[in-house]
C-alpha cells in the first residue's frame, strides 16, 4: 500500500485493530502486511487505509510482487 505522509500515527491505528498473529512493517511509502488468516479476514483492508490516510490504496499479494520483480 502506497501513501504519502500520513497525518496520524498509522502504527497506533493498526495496532488497535489488528488480529493476533497479524504483523506489519511500514517503509517510506509502503505498508507490508502479514495476514496468516488471509487478507479477506483482516480488518486491515484497502478501505481501512483509504479512510484513515485519505488516499487511494493498492494491494498486491506476495506471489504477485515476486512475478512483478522478475
N, C-alpha and C. Protein backbone atom coordinates (compact mmCIF):
# COMPACT_ATOMS: atom_id res chain seq x y z
N UNK A 1 0.84 -1.16 0.00
CA UNK A 1 0.00 0.00 0.00
C UNK A 1 0.89 1.22 0.00
N UNK A 2 0.63 2.11 -0.87
CA UNK A 2 1.48 3.28 -1.00
C UNK A 2 0.75 4.49 -0.43
N UNK A 3 1.49 5.31 0.30
CA UNK A 3 0.91 6.51 0.87
C UNK A 3 1.93 7.62 0.92
N UNK A 4 1.44 8.84 0.99
CA UNK A 4 2.34 9.97 1.21
C UNK A 4 2.63 10.00 2.69
N UNK A 5 2.69 11.12 3.30
CA UNK A 5 2.97 11.18 4.73
C UNK A 5 1.64 11.15 5.50
N UNK A 6 1.40 10.10 6.27
CA UNK A 6 0.12 10.01 6.98
C UNK A 6 0.00 11.09 8.05
N UNK A 7 -1.21 11.64 8.20
CA UNK A 7 -1.44 12.68 9.20
C UNK A 7 -1.40 12.14 10.62
N UNK A 8 -1.95 10.97 10.84
CA UNK A 8 -1.98 10.36 12.17
C UNK A 8 -0.91 9.28 12.23
N UNK A 9 -0.61 8.84 13.42
CA UNK A 9 0.36 7.77 13.56
C UNK A 9 -0.32 6.46 13.16
N UNK A 10 -0.07 6.04 11.94
CA UNK A 10 -0.75 4.85 11.40
C UNK A 10 -0.39 3.59 12.18
N UNK A 11 0.80 3.52 12.75
CA UNK A 11 1.18 2.34 13.54
C UNK A 11 0.23 2.15 14.72
N UNK A 12 -0.12 3.21 15.40
CA UNK A 12 -1.05 3.11 16.52
C UNK A 12 -2.42 2.63 16.06
N UNK A 13 -2.88 3.15 14.93
CA UNK A 13 -4.19 2.73 14.39
C UNK A 13 -4.18 1.25 14.04
N UNK A 14 -3.11 0.80 13.39
CA UNK A 14 -3.02 -0.60 13.00
C UNK A 14 -2.98 -1.50 14.24
N UNK A 15 -2.18 -1.13 15.22
CA UNK A 15 -2.06 -1.95 16.43
C UNK A 15 -3.39 -2.07 17.18
N UNK A 16 -4.23 -1.06 17.09
CA UNK A 16 -5.52 -1.10 17.78
C UNK A 16 -6.49 -2.11 17.18
N UNK A 17 -6.40 -2.33 15.87
CA UNK A 17 -7.41 -3.19 15.24
C UNK A 17 -6.89 -4.49 14.68
N UNK A 18 -5.57 -4.67 14.61
CA UNK A 18 -5.05 -5.90 14.01
C UNK A 18 -5.37 -7.11 14.88
N UNK A 19 -5.52 -8.25 14.23
CA UNK A 19 -5.78 -9.51 14.93
C UNK A 19 -4.48 -10.12 15.42
N UNK A 20 -4.59 -11.04 16.37
CA UNK A 20 -3.41 -11.78 16.84
C UNK A 20 -2.77 -12.49 15.65
N UNK A 21 -1.46 -12.43 15.59
CA UNK A 21 -0.73 -13.09 14.51
C UNK A 21 -0.47 -12.20 13.32
N UNK A 22 -1.27 -11.16 13.16
CA UNK A 22 -1.03 -10.24 12.05
C UNK A 22 0.16 -9.35 12.39
N UNK A 23 0.98 -9.11 11.38
CA UNK A 23 2.15 -8.27 11.55
C UNK A 23 2.20 -7.25 10.43
N UNK A 24 2.92 -6.16 10.66
CA UNK A 24 3.06 -5.15 9.62
C UNK A 24 4.41 -4.47 9.72
N UNK A 25 4.83 -3.91 8.61
CA UNK A 25 6.06 -3.13 8.54
C UNK A 25 5.77 -1.92 7.67
N UNK A 26 6.15 -0.76 8.14
CA UNK A 26 5.91 0.48 7.39
C UNK A 26 7.25 1.00 6.89
N UNK A 27 7.36 1.16 5.57
CA UNK A 27 8.54 1.78 4.99
C UNK A 27 8.16 3.21 4.61
N UNK A 28 8.98 3.84 3.84
CA UNK A 28 8.71 5.24 3.49
C UNK A 28 7.39 5.43 2.76
N UNK A 29 7.09 4.54 1.81
CA UNK A 29 5.88 4.71 1.00
C UNK A 29 4.98 3.49 0.96
N UNK A 30 5.32 2.44 1.67
CA UNK A 30 4.52 1.23 1.65
C UNK A 30 4.24 0.72 3.05
N UNK A 31 3.18 -0.06 3.13
CA UNK A 31 2.88 -0.81 4.35
C UNK A 31 2.81 -2.28 3.95
N UNK A 32 3.63 -3.09 4.57
CA UNK A 32 3.65 -4.52 4.30
C UNK A 32 2.86 -5.21 5.40
N UNK A 33 1.90 -6.05 4.99
CA UNK A 33 1.05 -6.74 5.95
C UNK A 33 1.27 -8.25 5.86
N UNK A 34 1.28 -8.89 7.00
CA UNK A 34 1.28 -10.34 7.07
C UNK A 34 -0.03 -10.74 7.73
N UNK A 35 -0.86 -11.42 6.98
CA UNK A 35 -2.19 -11.82 7.44
C UNK A 35 -2.28 -13.34 7.38
N UNK A 36 -1.89 -14.04 8.46
CA UNK A 36 -1.85 -15.51 8.41
C UNK A 36 -3.22 -16.15 8.21
N UNK A 37 -4.29 -15.45 8.54
CA UNK A 37 -5.64 -15.98 8.35
C UNK A 37 -6.25 -15.54 7.03
N UNK A 38 -5.48 -14.86 6.20
CA UNK A 38 -5.95 -14.41 4.89
C UNK A 38 -6.34 -12.96 4.88
N UNK A 39 -6.08 -12.31 3.76
CA UNK A 39 -6.40 -10.89 3.62
C UNK A 39 -7.91 -10.65 3.66
N UNK A 40 -8.69 -11.62 3.22
CA UNK A 40 -10.15 -11.47 3.22
C UNK A 40 -10.72 -11.37 4.63
N UNK A 41 -9.98 -11.86 5.63
CA UNK A 41 -10.47 -11.87 7.01
C UNK A 41 -9.92 -10.74 7.88
N UNK A 42 -8.92 -10.01 7.39
CA UNK A 42 -8.32 -8.96 8.20
C UNK A 42 -9.18 -7.69 8.19
N UNK A 43 -9.07 -6.93 9.25
CA UNK A 43 -9.72 -5.62 9.32
C UNK A 43 -8.85 -4.57 8.64
N UNK A 44 -7.61 -4.93 8.31
CA UNK A 44 -6.66 -4.01 7.69
C UNK A 44 -6.79 -4.07 6.17
N UNK A 45 -7.93 -3.66 5.69
CA UNK A 45 -8.25 -3.73 4.26
C UNK A 45 -7.86 -2.42 3.56
N UNK A 46 -7.99 -2.44 2.25
CA UNK A 46 -7.78 -1.20 1.49
C UNK A 46 -8.69 -0.10 2.01
N UNK A 47 -9.94 -0.45 2.29
CA UNK A 47 -10.89 0.57 2.78
C UNK A 47 -10.41 1.20 4.07
N UNK A 48 -9.86 0.41 4.98
CA UNK A 48 -9.33 0.94 6.24
C UNK A 48 -8.26 1.98 5.96
N UNK A 49 -7.28 1.63 5.13
CA UNK A 49 -6.18 2.56 4.86
C UNK A 49 -6.63 3.78 4.07
N UNK A 50 -7.54 3.59 3.13
CA UNK A 50 -8.04 4.72 2.37
C UNK A 50 -8.78 5.72 3.26
N UNK A 51 -9.59 5.20 4.18
CA UNK A 51 -10.33 6.09 5.10
C UNK A 51 -9.39 6.80 6.07
N UNK A 52 -8.48 6.05 6.67
CA UNK A 52 -7.61 6.62 7.70
C UNK A 52 -6.55 7.56 7.14
N UNK A 53 -6.04 7.25 5.95
CA UNK A 53 -4.96 8.06 5.38
C UNK A 53 -5.44 9.02 4.29
N UNK A 54 -6.74 8.92 3.96
CA UNK A 54 -7.33 9.79 2.94
C UNK A 54 -6.54 9.72 1.63
N UNK A 55 -6.45 8.49 1.08
CA UNK A 55 -5.72 8.24 -0.15
C UNK A 55 -6.30 7.04 -0.85
N UNK A 56 -5.76 6.72 -2.01
CA UNK A 56 -6.13 5.52 -2.73
C UNK A 56 -5.06 4.47 -2.47
N UNK A 57 -5.48 3.29 -2.05
CA UNK A 57 -4.54 2.21 -1.72
C UNK A 57 -4.62 1.11 -2.76
N UNK A 58 -3.50 0.44 -2.96
CA UNK A 58 -3.41 -0.71 -3.85
C UNK A 58 -2.76 -1.85 -3.09
N UNK A 59 -3.30 -3.04 -3.22
CA UNK A 59 -2.78 -4.20 -2.51
C UNK A 59 -2.30 -5.24 -3.52
N UNK A 60 -1.18 -5.86 -3.22
CA UNK A 60 -0.66 -6.97 -4.02
C UNK A 60 -0.27 -8.10 -3.08
N UNK A 61 -0.60 -9.33 -3.43
CA UNK A 61 -0.13 -10.45 -2.61
C UNK A 61 1.32 -10.73 -2.96
N UNK A 62 2.01 -11.49 -2.10
CA UNK A 62 3.45 -11.70 -2.26
C UNK A 62 3.78 -12.42 -3.56
N UNK A 63 2.93 -13.36 -3.97
CA UNK A 63 3.17 -14.09 -5.20
C UNK A 63 3.19 -13.12 -6.40
N UNK A 64 2.28 -12.18 -6.41
CA UNK A 64 2.22 -11.18 -7.49
C UNK A 64 3.45 -10.27 -7.45
N UNK A 65 3.86 -9.85 -6.27
CA UNK A 65 5.04 -8.99 -6.13
C UNK A 65 6.26 -9.69 -6.71
N UNK A 66 6.42 -10.96 -6.41
CA UNK A 66 7.57 -11.71 -6.93
C UNK A 66 7.54 -11.80 -8.46
N UNK A 67 6.35 -11.95 -9.05
CA UNK A 67 6.24 -12.00 -10.51
C UNK A 67 6.57 -10.64 -11.13
N UNK A 68 6.16 -9.56 -10.49
CA UNK A 68 6.45 -8.22 -10.99
C UNK A 68 7.97 -7.98 -10.98
N UNK A 69 8.63 -8.44 -9.94
CA UNK A 69 10.08 -8.25 -9.81
C UNK A 69 10.83 -8.98 -10.93
N UNK A 70 10.35 -10.18 -11.29
CA UNK A 70 11.00 -10.95 -12.37
C UNK A 70 10.87 -10.20 -13.66
